[in-house]
PDB file of N, CA and C in Angstrom:
ATOM      1  N   MET A   1     108.222  43.576  37.017  1.00  0.00           N
ATOM      2  CA  MET A   1     107.759  44.351  38.173  1.00  0.00           C
ATOM      3  C   MET A   1     108.112  45.830  37.803  1.00  0.00           C
ATOM      4  N   ILE A   2     107.095  46.537  38.011  1.00  0.00           N
ATOM      5  CA  ILE A   2     107.386  47.954  37.748  1.00  0.00           C
ATOM      6  C   ILE A   2     107.567  48.866  39.025  1.00  0.00           C
ATOM      7  N   GLN A   3     108.637  49.521  39.010  1.00  0.00           N
ATOM      8  CA  GLN A   3     108.914  50.288  40.121  1.00  0.00           C
ATOM      9  C   GLN A   3     108.224  51.622  40.101  1.00  0.00           C
ATOM     10  N   ASP A   4     107.732  51.975  41.249  1.00  0.00           N
ATOM     11  CA  ASP A   4     107.086  53.327  41.368  1.00  0.00           C
ATOM     12  C   ASP A   4     108.078  54.343  41.441  1.00  0.00           C
ATOM     13  N   ALA A   5     107.764  55.450  40.826  1.00  0.00           N
ATOM     14  CA  ALA A   5     108.700  56.525  40.779  1.00  0.00           C
ATOM     15  C   ALA A   5     108.705  57.276  42.071  1.00  0.00           C
ATOM     16  N   PRO A   6     109.967  57.645  42.290  1.00  0.00           N
ATOM     17  CA  PRO A   6     110.041  58.355  43.630  1.00  0.00           C
ATOM     18  C   PRO A   6     109.102  59.546  43.690  1.00  0.00           C
ATOM     19  N   ALA A   7     108.807  60.021  44.940  1.00  0.00           N
ATOM     20  CA  ALA A   7     107.960  61.100  45.131  1.00  0.00           C
ATOM     21  C   ALA A   7     108.747  62.374  44.889  1.00  0.00           C
ATOM     22  N   PRO A   8     107.984  63.340  44.131  1.00  0.00           N
ATOM     23  CA  PRO A   8     108.747  64.612  43.863  1.00  0.00           C
ATOM     24  C   PRO A   8     109.025  65.349  45.190  1.00  0.00           C
ATOM     25  N   PRO A   9     110.109  66.152  45.349  1.00  0.00           N
ATOM     26  CA  PRO A   9     110.450  66.831  46.620  1.00  0.00           C
ATOM     27  C   PRO A   9     109.399  67.942  46.839  1.00  0.00           C
ATOM     28  N   PRO A  10     109.240  68.326  48.202  1.00  0.00           N
ATOM     29  CA  PRO A  10     108.319  69.310  48.450  1.00  0.00           C
ATOM     30  C   PRO A  10     108.602  70.655  47.766  1.00  0.00           C
ATOM     31  N   VAL A  11     107.600  71.467  47.638  1.00  0.00           N
ATOM     32  CA  VAL A  11     107.827  72.742  47.018  1.00  0.00           C
ATOM     33  C   VAL A  11     108.190  73.800  48.310  1.00  0.00           C
ATOM     34  N   PRO A  12     109.320  74.454  48.038  1.00  0.00           N
ATOM     35  CA  PRO A  12     109.627  75.385  49.126  1.00  0.00           C
ATOM     36  C   PRO A  12     108.598  76.569  49.217  1.00  0.00           C
ATOM     37  N   PRO A  13     108.491  77.022  50.434  1.00  0.00           N
ATOM     38  CA  PRO A  13     107.635  78.213  50.711  1.00  0.00           C
ATOM     39  C   PRO A  13     107.998  79.453  49.950  1.00  0.00           C
ATOM     40  N   GLU A  14     107.038  80.367  49.612  1.00  0.00           N
ATOM     41  CA  GLU A  14     107.371  81.551  49.000  1.00  0.00           C
ATOM     42  C   GLU A  14     108.153  82.468  49.973  1.00  0.00           C
ATOM     43  N   ILE A  15     108.903  83.328  49.501  1.00  0.00           N
ATOM     44  CA  ILE A  15     109.765  84.161  50.479  1.00  0.00           C
ATOM     45  C   ILE A  15     108.921  85.031  51.411  1.00  0.00           C
ATOM     46  N   SER A  16     107.777  85.411  51.094  1.00  0.00           N
ATOM     47  CA  SER A  16     106.759  86.215  51.830  1.00  0.00           C
ATOM     48  C   SER A  16     106.205  85.469  52.977  1.00  0.00           C
ATOM     49  N   GLN A  17     106.304  84.057  53.039  1.00  0.00           N
ATOM     50  CA  GLN A  17     105.838  83.184  53.975  1.00  0.00           C
ATOM     51  C   GLN A  17     106.962  82.737  54.985  1.00  0.00           C
ATOM     52  N   ILE A  18     108.054  83.230  54.738  1.00  0.00           N
ATOM     53  CA  ILE A  18     109.272  82.810  55.616  1.00  0.00           C
ATOM     54  C   ILE A  18     109.166  83.838  56.830  1.00  0.00           C
ATOM     55  N   ILE A  19     109.073  83.354  58.111  1.00  0.00           N
ATOM     56  CA  ILE A  19     109.293  84.111  59.243  1.00  0.00           C
ATOM     57  C   ILE A  19     110.700  84.124  59.834  1.00  0.00           C
ATOM     58  N   VAL A  20     111.185  85.294  60.033  1.00  0.00           N
ATOM     59  CA  VAL A  20     112.499  85.374  60.256  1.00  0.00           C
ATOM     60  C   VAL A  20     112.562  85.915  61.729  1.00  0.00           C
ATOM     61  N   ASP A  21     113.144  85.288  62.587  1.00  0.00           N
ATOM     62  CA  ASP A  21     113.243  85.705  64.081  1.00  0.00           C
ATOM     63  C   ASP A  21     114.258  86.789  64.213  1.00  0.00           C
ATOM     64  N   THR A  22     113.669  88.029  64.325  1.00  0.00           N
ATOM     65  CA  THR A  22     114.555  89.177  64.454  1.00  0.00           C
ATOM     66  C   THR A  22     114.862  89.634  65.838  1.00  0.00           C
ATOM     67  N   GLY A  23     114.248  89.020  66.909  1.00  0.00           N
ATOM     68  CA  GLY A  23     114.463  89.345  68.324  1.00  0.00           C
ATOM     69  C   GLY A  23     113.296  89.202  69.006  1.00  0.00           C
ATOM     70  N   PRO A  24     113.203  89.956  70.245  1.00  0.00           N
ATOM     71  CA  PRO A  24     111.927  89.989  71.000  1.00  0.00           C
ATOM     72  C   PRO A  24     110.828  90.588  70.264  1.00  0.00           C
ATOM     73  N   PRO A  25     109.523  90.352  70.682  1.00  0.00           N
ATOM     74  CA  PRO A  25     108.381  90.866  70.172  1.00  0.00           C
ATOM     75  C   PRO A  25     108.260  92.398  70.390  1.00  0.00           C
ATOM     76  N   ALA A  26     107.579  93.198  69.592  1.00  0.00           N
ATOM     77  CA  ALA A  26     107.484  94.671  69.804  1.00  0.00           C
ATOM     78  C   ALA A  26     106.826  95.094  71.047  1.00  0.00           C
ATOM     79  N   TRP A  27     105.934  94.264  71.647  1.00  0.00           N
ATOM     80  CA  TRP A  27     105.207  94.541  72.858  1.00  0.00           C
ATOM     81  C   TRP A  27     106.069  94.636  74.051  1.00  0.00           C
ATOM     82  N   ILE A  28     107.290  94.033  73.956  1.00  0.00           N
ATOM     83  CA  ILE A  28     108.145  93.941  75.138  1.00  0.00           C
ATOM     84  C   ILE A  28     108.630  95.199  75.461  1.00  0.00           C
ATOM     85  N   GLU A  29     108.828  96.117  74.572  1.00  0.00           N
ATOM     86  CA  GLU A  29     109.328  97.426  74.944  1.00  0.00           C
ATOM     87  C   GLU A  29     108.319  98.243  75.671  1.00  0.00           C
ATOM     88  N   THR A  30     107.037  98.107  75.302  1.00  0.00           N
ATOM     89  CA  THR A  30     106.059  98.873  75.858  1.00  0.00           C
ATOM     90  C   THR A  30     105.834  98.257  77.360  1.00  0.00           C
ATOM     91  N   VAL A  31     105.839  96.960  77.473  1.00  0.00           N
ATOM     92  CA  VAL A  31     105.688  96.422  78.907  1.00  0.00           C
ATOM     93  C   VAL A  31     106.736  96.925  79.800  1.00  0.00           C
ATOM     94  N   ALA A  32     108.025  96.922  79.275  1.00  0.00           N
ATOM     95  CA  ALA A  32     109.224  97.290  80.105  1.00  0.00           C
ATOM     96  C   ALA A  32     109.081  98.800  80.417  1.00  0.00           C
ATOM     97  N   THR A  33     108.603  99.700  79.430  1.00  0.00           N
ATOM     98  CA  THR A  33     108.569 100.975  79.796  1.00  0.00           C
ATOM     99  C   THR A  33     107.452 101.151  80.908  1.00  0.00           C
ATOM    100  N   LEU A  34     106.467 100.609  80.738  1.00  0.00           N
ATOM    101  CA  LEU A  34     105.342 100.691  81.744  1.00  0.00           C
ATOM    102  C   LEU A  34     105.837 100.082  83.053  1.00  0.00           C
ATOM    103  N   GLY A  35     106.642  98.997  83.085  1.00  0.00           N
ATOM    104  CA  GLY A  35     106.999  98.503  84.436  1.00  0.00           C
ATOM    105  C   GLY A  35     108.085  99.445  84.996  1.00  0.00           C
ATOM    106  N   LEU A  36     109.039 100.146  84.333  1.00  0.00           N
ATOM    107  CA  LEU A  36     109.809 101.108  84.765  1.00  0.00           C
ATOM    108  C   LEU A  36     109.049 102.209  85.336  1.00  0.00           C
ATOM    109  N   MET A  37     108.059 102.722  84.712  1.00  0.00           N
ATOM    110  CA  MET A  37     107.244 103.890  85.208  1.00  0.00           C
ATOM    111  C   MET A  37     106.566 103.633  86.417  1.00  0.00           C
ATOM    112  N   VAL A  38     105.939 102.391  86.645  1.00  0.00           N
ATOM    113  CA  VAL A  38     105.449 101.963  87.819  1.00  0.00           C
ATOM    114  C   VAL A  38     106.395 101.850  88.854  1.00  0.00           C
ATOM    115  N   PHE A  39     107.527 101.256  88.675  1.00  0.00           N
ATOM    116  CA  PHE A  39     108.484 101.061  89.690  1.00  0.00           C
ATOM    117  C   PHE A  39     109.055 102.559  90.143  1.00  0.00           C
ATOM    118  N   ILE A  40     109.256 103.436  89.352  1.00  0.00           N
ATOM    119  CA  ILE A  40     109.593 104.868  89.585  1.00  0.00           C
ATOM    120  C   ILE A  40     108.589 105.491  90.477  1.00  0.00           C
ATOM    121  N   GLY A  41     107.413 105.188  90.089  1.00  0.00           N
ATOM    122  CA  GLY A  41     106.207 105.888  90.781  1.00  0.00           C
ATOM    123  C   GLY A  41     106.168 105.344  92.184  1.00  0.00           C
ATOM    124  N   VAL A  42     106.244 104.033  92.396  1.00  0.00           N
ATOM    125  CA  VAL A  42     106.119 103.519  93.593  1.00  0.00           C
ATOM    126  C   VAL A  42     107.384 103.796  94.616  1.00  0.00           C
ATOM    127  N   VAL A  43     108.582 103.606  94.084  1.00  0.00           N
ATOM    128  CA  VAL A  43     109.767 103.895  94.896  1.00  0.00           C
ATOM    129  C   VAL A  43     110.039 105.471  95.132  1.00  0.00           C
ATOM    130  N   LEU A  44     109.793 106.125  94.037  1.00  0.00           N
ATOM    131  CA  LEU A  44     110.279 107.605  94.227  1.00  0.00           C
ATOM    132  C   LEU A  44     109.164 108.501  94.575  1.00  0.00           C
ATOM    133  N   VAL A  45     108.010 108.558  93.721  1.00  0.00           N
ATOM    134  CA  VAL A  45     107.006 109.430  93.836  1.00  0.00           C
ATOM    135  C   VAL A  45     106.064 109.204  94.992  1.00  0.00           C
ATOM    136  N   TYR A  46     105.680 107.829  95.247  1.00  0.00           N
ATOM    137  CA  TYR A  46     104.661 107.702  96.178  1.00  0.00           C
ATOM    138  C   TYR A  46     105.057 108.186  97.620  1.00  0.00           C
ATOM    139  N   PRO A  47     106.297 108.033  98.147  1.00  0.00           N
ATOM    140  CA  PRO A  47     106.578 108.611  99.479  1.00  0.00           C
ATOM    141  C   PRO A  47     106.459 110.048  99.483  1.00  0.00           C
ATOM    142  N   ILE A  48     106.975 110.743  98.434  1.00  0.00           N
ATOM    143  CA  ILE A  48     106.830 112.319  98.320  1.00  0.00           C
ATOM    144  C   ILE A  48     105.366 112.621  98.445  1.00  0.00           C
ATOM    145  N   VAL A  49     104.520 111.986  97.645  1.00  0.00           N
ATOM    146  CA  VAL A  49     103.041 112.340  97.634  1.00  0.00           C
ATOM    147  C   VAL A  49     102.419 112.104  98.972  1.00  0.00           C
ATOM    148  N   ARG A  50     102.757 110.974  99.578  1.00  0.00           N
ATOM    149  CA  ARG A  50     102.301 110.547 100.771  1.00  0.00           C
ATOM    150  C   ARG A  50     102.541 111.679 101.979  1.00  0.00           C
ATOM    151  N   ALA A  51     103.930 112.000 101.921  1.00  0.00           N
ATOM    152  CA  ALA A  51     104.304 113.111 102.914  1.00  0.00           C
ATOM    153  C   ALA A  51     103.619 114.377 102.675  1.00  0.00           C
ATOM    154  N   TRP A  52     103.412 114.820 101.378  1.00  0.00           N
ATOM    155  CA  TRP A  52     102.732 115.971 101.067  1.00  0.00           C
ATOM    156  C   TRP A  52     101.330 115.913 101.672  1.00  0.00           C
ATOM    157  N   ALA A  53     100.678 114.683 101.404  1.00  0.00           N
ATOM    158  CA  ALA A  53      99.182 114.601 101.858  1.00  0.00           C
ATOM    159  C   ALA A  53      99.081 114.605 103.300  1.00  0.00           C
ATOM    160  N   ARG A  54      99.988 114.194 104.067  1.00  0.00           N
ATOM    161  CA  ARG A  54      99.944 114.187 105.533  1.00  0.00           C
ATOM    162  C   ARG A  54     100.130 115.660 105.906  1.00  0.00           C
ATOM    163  N   ARG A  55     101.045 116.458 105.277  1.00  0.00           N
ATOM    164  CA  ARG A  55     101.170 117.787 105.682  1.00  0.00           C
ATOM    165  C   ARG A  55      99.973 118.577 105.376  1.00  0.00           C
ATOM    166  N   LEU A  56      99.115 118.292 104.271  1.00  0.00           N
ATOM    167  CA  LEU A  56      97.863 119.082 104.009  1.00  0.00           C
ATOM    168  C   LEU A  56      96.839 118.460 105.069  1.00  0.00           C
ATOM    169  N   GLU A  57      96.811 117.258 105.458  1.00  0.00           N
ATOM    170  CA  GLU A  57      95.847 116.812 106.427  1.00  0.00           C
ATOM    171  C   GLU A  57      95.909 117.622 107.756  1.00  0.00           C
ATOM    172  N   ARG A  58      97.321 117.827 108.202  1.00  0.00           N
ATOM    173  CA  ARG A  58      97.524 118.464 109.474  1.00  0.00           C
ATOM    174  C   ARG A  58      96.845 119.912 109.437  1.00  0.00           C
ATOM    175  N   GLY A  59      97.016 120.450 108.324  1.00  0.00           N
ATOM    176  CA  GLY A  59      96.430 121.883 108.240  1.00  0.00           C
ATOM    177  C   GLY A  59      97.352 122.936 108.962  1.00  0.00           C
ATOM    178  N   VAL A  60      96.689 123.953 109.187  1.00  0.00           N
ATOM    179  CA  VAL A  60      97.388 125.150 109.712  1.00  0.00           C
ATOM    180  C   VAL A  60      96.661 125.278 111.185  1.00  0.00           C
ATOM    181  N   VAL A  61      97.504 125.467 112.178  1.00  0.00           N
ATOM    182  CA  VAL A  61      96.985 125.670 113.488  1.00  0.00           C
ATOM    183  C   VAL A  61      96.899 127.034 113.777  1.00  0.00           C
ATOM    184  N   THR A  62      95.558 127.520 113.972  1.00  0.00           N
ATOM    185  CA  THR A  62      95.403 128.983 114.191  1.00  0.00           C
ATOM    186  C   THR A  62      95.356 129.368 115.643  1.00  0.00           C
ATOM    187  N   ASP A  63      95.460 130.509 115.970  1.00  0.00           N
ATOM    188  CA  ASP A  63      95.201 130.981 117.378  1.00  0.00           C
ATOM    189  C   ASP A  63      93.883 130.467 118.016  1.00  0.00           C
ATOM    190  N   ASP A  64      92.811 130.622 117.266  1.00  0.00           N
ATOM    191  CA  ASP A  64      91.528 130.077 117.715  1.00  0.00           C
ATOM    192  C   ASP A  64      91.621 128.678 118.104  1.00  0.00           C
ATOM    193  N   LEU A  65      92.135 127.797 117.321  1.00  0.00           N
ATOM    194  CA  LEU A  65      92.300 126.478 117.588  1.00  0.00           C
ATOM    195  C   LEU A  65      93.008 126.262 118.862  1.00  0.00           C
ATOM    196  N   MET A  66      94.033 126.894 119.017  1.00  0.00           N
ATOM    197  CA  MET A  66      94.923 126.752 120.214  1.00  0.00           C
ATOM    198  C   MET A  66      94.236 127.211 121.367  1.00  0.00           C
ATOM    199  N   ASP A  67      93.495 128.271 121.305  1.00  0.00           N
ATOM    200  CA  ASP A  67      92.695 128.802 122.483  1.00  0.00           C
ATOM    201  C   ASP A  67      91.557 127.755 122.799  1.00  0.00           C
ATOM    202  N   GLU A  68      90.914 127.117 121.902  1.00  0.00           N
ATOM    203  CA  GLU A  68      89.983 126.185 122.126  1.00  0.00           C
ATOM    204  C   GLU A  68      90.548 124.874 122.667  1.00  0.00           C
ATOM    205  N   LEU A  69      91.711 124.576 122.276  1.00  0.00           N
ATOM    206  CA  LEU A  69      92.400 123.335 122.724  1.00  0.00           C
ATOM    207  C   LEU A  69      92.767 123.821 124.409  1.00  0.00           C
ATOM    208  N   VAL A  70      93.290 124.778 124.645  1.00  0.00           N
ATOM    209  CA  VAL A  70      93.602 125.239 126.106  1.00  0.00           C
ATOM    210  C   VAL A  70      92.291 125.116 126.930  1.00  0.00           C
ATOM    211  N   HIS A  71      91.282 125.688 126.297  1.00  0.00           N
ATOM    212  CA  HIS A  71      89.940 125.750 127.130  1.00  0.00           C
ATOM    213  C   HIS A  71      89.647 124.306 127.406  1.00  0.00           C
ATOM    214  N   LEU A  72      89.660 123.405 126.410  1.00  0.00           N
ATOM    215  CA  LEU A  72      89.170 122.085 126.491  1.00  0.00           C
ATOM    216  C   LEU A  72      90.066 121.245 127.561  1.00  0.00           C
ATOM    217  N   ARG A  73      91.286 121.564 127.578  1.00  0.00           N
ATOM    218  CA  ARG A  73      92.135 120.867 128.448  1.00  0.00           C
ATOM    219  C   ARG A  73      91.898 121.344 129.847  1.00  0.00           C
ATOM    220  N   GLU A  74      91.651 122.615 130.102  1.00  0.00           N
ATOM    221  CA  GLU A  74      91.262 123.166 131.445  1.00  0.00           C
ATOM    222  C   GLU A  74      90.014 122.552 131.992  1.00  0.00           C
ATOM    223  N   ARG A  75      88.911 122.365 131.051  1.00  0.00           N
ATOM    224  CA  ARG A  75      87.735 121.776 131.374  1.00  0.00           C
ATOM    225  C   ARG A  75      87.899 120.280 131.727  1.00  0.00           C
ATOM    226  N   VAL A  76      88.711 119.529 130.957  1.00  0.00           N
ATOM    227  CA  VAL A  76      89.009 118.148 131.339  1.00  0.00           C
ATOM    228  C   VAL A  76      89.653 118.131 132.723  1.00  0.00           C
ATOM    229  N   ALA A  77      90.555 118.864 132.994  1.00  0.00           N
ATOM    230  CA  ALA A  77      91.152 118.943 134.311  1.00  0.00           C
ATOM    231  C   ALA A  77      90.250 119.327 135.367  1.00  0.00           C
ATOM    232  N   GLU A  78      89.272 120.161 135.182  1.00  0.00           N
ATOM    233  CA  GLU A  78      88.338 120.481 136.210  1.00  0.00           C
ATOM    234  C   GLU A  78      87.359 119.260 136.437  1.00  0.00           C
ATOM    235  N   LEU A  79      86.856 118.569 135.270  1.00  0.00           N
ATOM    236  CA  LEU A  79      86.014 117.431 135.577  1.00  0.00           C
ATOM    237  C   LEU A  79      86.764 116.362 136.321  1.00  0.00           C
ATOM    238  N   GLU A  80      88.098 116.067 135.981  1.00  0.00           N
ATOM    239  CA  GLU A  80      88.819 115.120 136.661  1.00  0.00           C
ATOM    240  C   GLU A  80      88.852 115.455 138.173  1.00  0.00           C
ATOM    241  N   GLY A  81      88.929 116.693 138.360  1.00  0.00           N
ATOM    242  CA  GLY A  81      89.125 117.035 139.900  1.00  0.00           C
ATOM    243  C   GLY A  81      87.727 116.819 140.667  1.00  0.00           C
ATOM    244  N   GLN A  82      86.668 116.682 139.931  1.00  0.00           N
ATOM    245  CA  GLN A  82      85.270 116.479 140.488  1.00  0.00           C
ATOM    246  C   GLN A  82      85.090 114.965 140.745  1.00  0.00           C
ATOM    247  N   ALA A  83      85.953 114.082 140.412  1.00  0.00           N
ATOM    248  CA  ALA A  83      85.699 112.726 140.562  1.00  0.00           C
ATOM    249  C   ALA A  83      85.481 112.163 141.944  1.00  0.00           C
ATOM    250  N   PRO A  84      86.310 112.718 142.919  1.00  0.00           N
ATOM    251  CA  PRO A  84      85.858 112.371 144.370  1.00  0.00           C
ATOM    252  C   PRO A  84      84.634 112.900 144.826  1.00  0.00           C
ATOM    253  N   ARG A  85      84.225 113.975 144.405  1.00  0.00           N
ATOM    254  CA  ARG A  85      83.049 114.449 144.806  1.00  0.00           C
ATOM    255  C   ARG A  85      81.727 113.703 144.177  1.00  0.00           C
ATOM    256  N   MET A  86      81.968 113.247 142.973  1.00  0.00           N
ATOM    257  CA  MET A  86      80.911 112.354 142.408  1.00  0.00           C
ATOM    258  C   MET A  86      80.924 111.109 143.143  1.00  0.00           C
ATOM    259  N   ALA A  87      82.082 110.603 143.597  1.00  0.00           N
ATOM    260  CA  ALA A  87      82.025 109.182 144.371  1.00  0.00           C
ATOM    261  C   ALA A  87      81.278 109.516 145.584  1.00  0.00           C
ATOM    262  N   GLU A  88      81.471 110.498 146.287  1.00  0.00           N
ATOM    263  CA  GLU A  88      80.691 110.851 147.490  1.00  0.00           C
ATOM    264  C   GLU A  88      79.254 110.938 147.253  1.00  0.00           C
ATOM    265  N   LEU A  89      78.810 111.644 146.308  1.00  0.00           N
ATOM    266  CA  LEU A  89      77.463 111.690 145.959  1.00  0.00           C
ATOM    267  C   LEU A  89      76.843 110.361 145.583  1.00  0.00           C
ATOM    268  N   GLU A  90      77.641 109.482 144.981  1.00  0.00           N
ATOM    269  CA  GLU A  90      76.969 108.143 144.645  1.00  0.00           C
ATOM    270  C   GLU A  90      76.881 107.340 145.890  1.00  0.00           C
ATOM    271  N   GLU A  91      77.671 107.450 146.896  1.00  0.00           N
ATOM    272  CA  GLU A  91      77.660 106.929 148.220  1.00  0.00           C
ATOM    273  C   GLU A  91      76.278 107.352 148.858  1.00  0.00           C
ATOM    274  N   ARG A  92      76.023 108.681 148.875  1.00  0.00           N
ATOM    275  CA  ARG A  92      74.892 109.233 149.571  1.00  0.00           C
ATOM    276  C   ARG A  92      73.577 108.807 148.896  1.00  0.00           C
ATOM    277  N   VAL A  93      73.556 108.690 147.502  1.00  0.00           N
ATOM    278  CA  VAL A  93      72.370 108.229 146.879  1.00  0.00           C
ATOM    279  C   VAL A  93      72.157 106.634 147.224  1.00  0.00           C
ATOM    280  N   ASP A  94      73.240 105.942 147.325  1.00  0.00           N
ATOM    281  CA  ASP A  94      73.120 104.569 147.625  1.00  0.00           C
ATOM    282  C   ASP A  94      72.561 104.395 149.000  1.00  0.00           C
ATOM    283  N   PHE A  95      73.153 105.313 149.938  1.00  0.00           N
ATOM    284  CA  PHE A  95      72.699 105.191 151.457  1.00  0.00           C
ATOM    285  C   PHE A  95      71.133 105.601 151.446  1.00  0.00           C
ATOM    286  N   THR A  96      70.718 106.702 150.808  1.00  0.00           N
ATOM    287  CA  THR A  96      69.296 107.044 150.769  1.00  0.00           C
ATOM    288  C   THR A  96      68.392 106.007 150.204  1.00  0.00           C
ATOM    289  N   GLU A  97      68.809 105.223 149.123  1.00  0.00           N
ATOM    290  CA  GLU A  97      68.032 104.221 148.642  1.00  0.00           C
ATOM    291  C   GLU A  97      67.910 103.103 149.537  1.00  0.00           C
ATOM    292  N   ARG A  98      68.975 102.639 150.297  1.00  0.00           N
ATOM    293  CA  ARG A  98      68.896 101.584 151.380  1.00  0.00           C
ATOM    294  C   ARG A  98      67.808 102.147 152.436  1.00  0.00           C
ATOM    295  N   LEU A  99      67.981 103.312 152.838  1.00  0.00           N
ATOM    296  CA  LEU A  99      67.087 103.783 153.995  1.00  0.00           C
ATOM    297  C   LEU A  99      65.618 103.780 153.463  1.00  0.00           C
ATOM    298  N   LEU A 100      65.216 104.120 152.172  1.00  0.00           N
ATOM    299  CA  LEU A 100      63.938 104.167 151.712  1.00  0.00           C
ATOM    300  C   LEU A 100      63.479 102.603 151.630  1.00  0.00           C
ATOM    301  N   THR A 101      64.260 101.780 151.142  1.00  0.00           N
ATOM    302  CA  THR A 101      63.858 100.348 151.099  1.00  0.00           C
ATOM    303  C   THR A 101      63.694  99.773 152.383  1.00  0.00           C
ATOM    304  N   GLU A 102      64.439 100.022 153.314  1.00  0.00           N
ATOM    305  CA  GLU A 102      64.301  99.445 154.770  1.00  0.00           C
ATOM    306  C   GLU A 102      62.896 100.050 155.358  1.00  0.00           C
ATOM    307  N   ALA A 103      62.612 101.391 154.977  1.00  0.00           N
ATOM    308  CA  ALA A 103      61.336 101.949 155.587  1.00  0.00           C
ATOM    309  C   ALA A 103      60.102 101.353 154.942  1.00  0.00           C
ATOM    310  N   ARG A 104      60.308 100.799 153.746  1.00  0.00           N
ATOM    311  CA  ARG A 104      59.111 100.180 153.164  1.00  0.00           C
ATOM    312  C   ARG A 104      58.922  98.746 153.674  1.00  0.00           C
ATOM    313  N   GLU A 105      59.982  98.081 154.048  1.00  0.00           N
ATOM    314  CA  GLU A 105      59.923  96.708 154.538  1.00  0.00           C
ATOM    315  C   GLU A 105      59.661  96.637 155.977  1.00  0.00           C
ATOM    316  N   THR A 106      59.741  97.468 156.658  1.00  0.00           N
ATOM    317  CA  THR A 106      59.469  97.334 158.145  1.00  0.00           C
ATOM    318  C   THR A 106      58.053  97.597 158.308  1.00  0.00           C
ATOM    319  N   VAL A 107      57.496  96.791 159.234  1.00  0.00           N
ATOM    320  CA  VAL A 107      56.057  96.733 159.505  1.00  0.00           C
ATOM    321  C   VAL A 107      55.712  97.775 160.576  1.00  0.00           C
ATOM    322  N   ARG A 108      54.906  98.662 160.237  1.00  0.00           N
ATOM    323  CA  ARG A 108      54.476  99.690 161.186  1.00  0.00           C
ATOM    324  C   ARG A 108      53.578  99.159 162.457  1.00  0.00           C
ATOM    325  N   LEU A 109      54.027  99.502 163.601  1.00  0.00           N
ATOM    326  CA  LEU A 109      53.179  99.063 164.682  1.00  0.00           C
ATOM    327  C   LEU A 109      51.861  99.938 164.882  1.00  0.00           C
ATOM    328  N   PRO A 110      50.911  99.383 165.243  1.00  0.00           N
ATOM    329  CA  PRO A 110      49.666 100.205 165.463  1.00  0.00           C
ATOM    330  C   PRO A 110      49.923 101.256 166.641  1.00  0.00           C
ATOM    331  N   ARG A 111      49.259 102.315 166.563  1.00  0.00           N
ATOM    332  CA  ARG A 111      49.524 103.422 167.623  1.00  0.00           C
ATOM    333  C   ARG A 111      48.696 103.000 168.868  1.00  0.00           C
ATOM    334  N   GLU A 112      49.032 103.625 169.738  1.00  0.00           N
ATOM    335  CA  GLU A 112      48.290 103.415 171.109  1.00  0.00           C
ATOM    336  C   GLU A 112      46.838 103.986 170.996  1.00  0.00           C
ATOM    337  N   GLY A 113      46.032 103.457 171.507  1.00  0.00           N
ATOM    338  CA  GLY A 113      44.720 104.027 171.562  1.00  0.00           C
ATOM    339  C   GLY A 113      43.802 103.488 170.400  1.00  0.00           C
ATOM    340  N   GLY A 114      44.163 102.563 169.620  1.00  0.00           N
ATOM    341  CA  GLY A 114      43.246 102.035 168.841  1.00  0.00           C
ATOM    342  C   GLY A 114      43.611 102.043 167.450  1.00  0.00           C
ATOM    343  N   ALA A 115      43.155 102.647 166.535  1.00  0.00           N
ATOM    344  CA  ALA A 115      43.089 102.567 165.093  1.00  0.00           C
ATOM    345  C   ALA A 115      44.384 102.049 164.624  1.00  0.00           C
TER     346      ALA A 115
END
């Protein structure tokens, strides 16, 4: 009986094919930097920018705007003072409409003397 020769050992890979784990991938630094910038932007910069935008939206109050505001407030007070008068006028209109409706519904009696 002839014995089979043992199989030759595997050939080791070339040195250029060996991957050496030297730490985290290079893209981790980029992601960490961007994450830190976003965090700083949200936590520190955003409230400052929002407050600045609110201040810009308010604008500057001029004397003309204040005069117009005072005039409009006076006009509103005047119109609110006329509410009782408007209620009285509404009652008068309702009364007049009822009288006109009753006048149309009543049957007119013929006049004396014929026609």
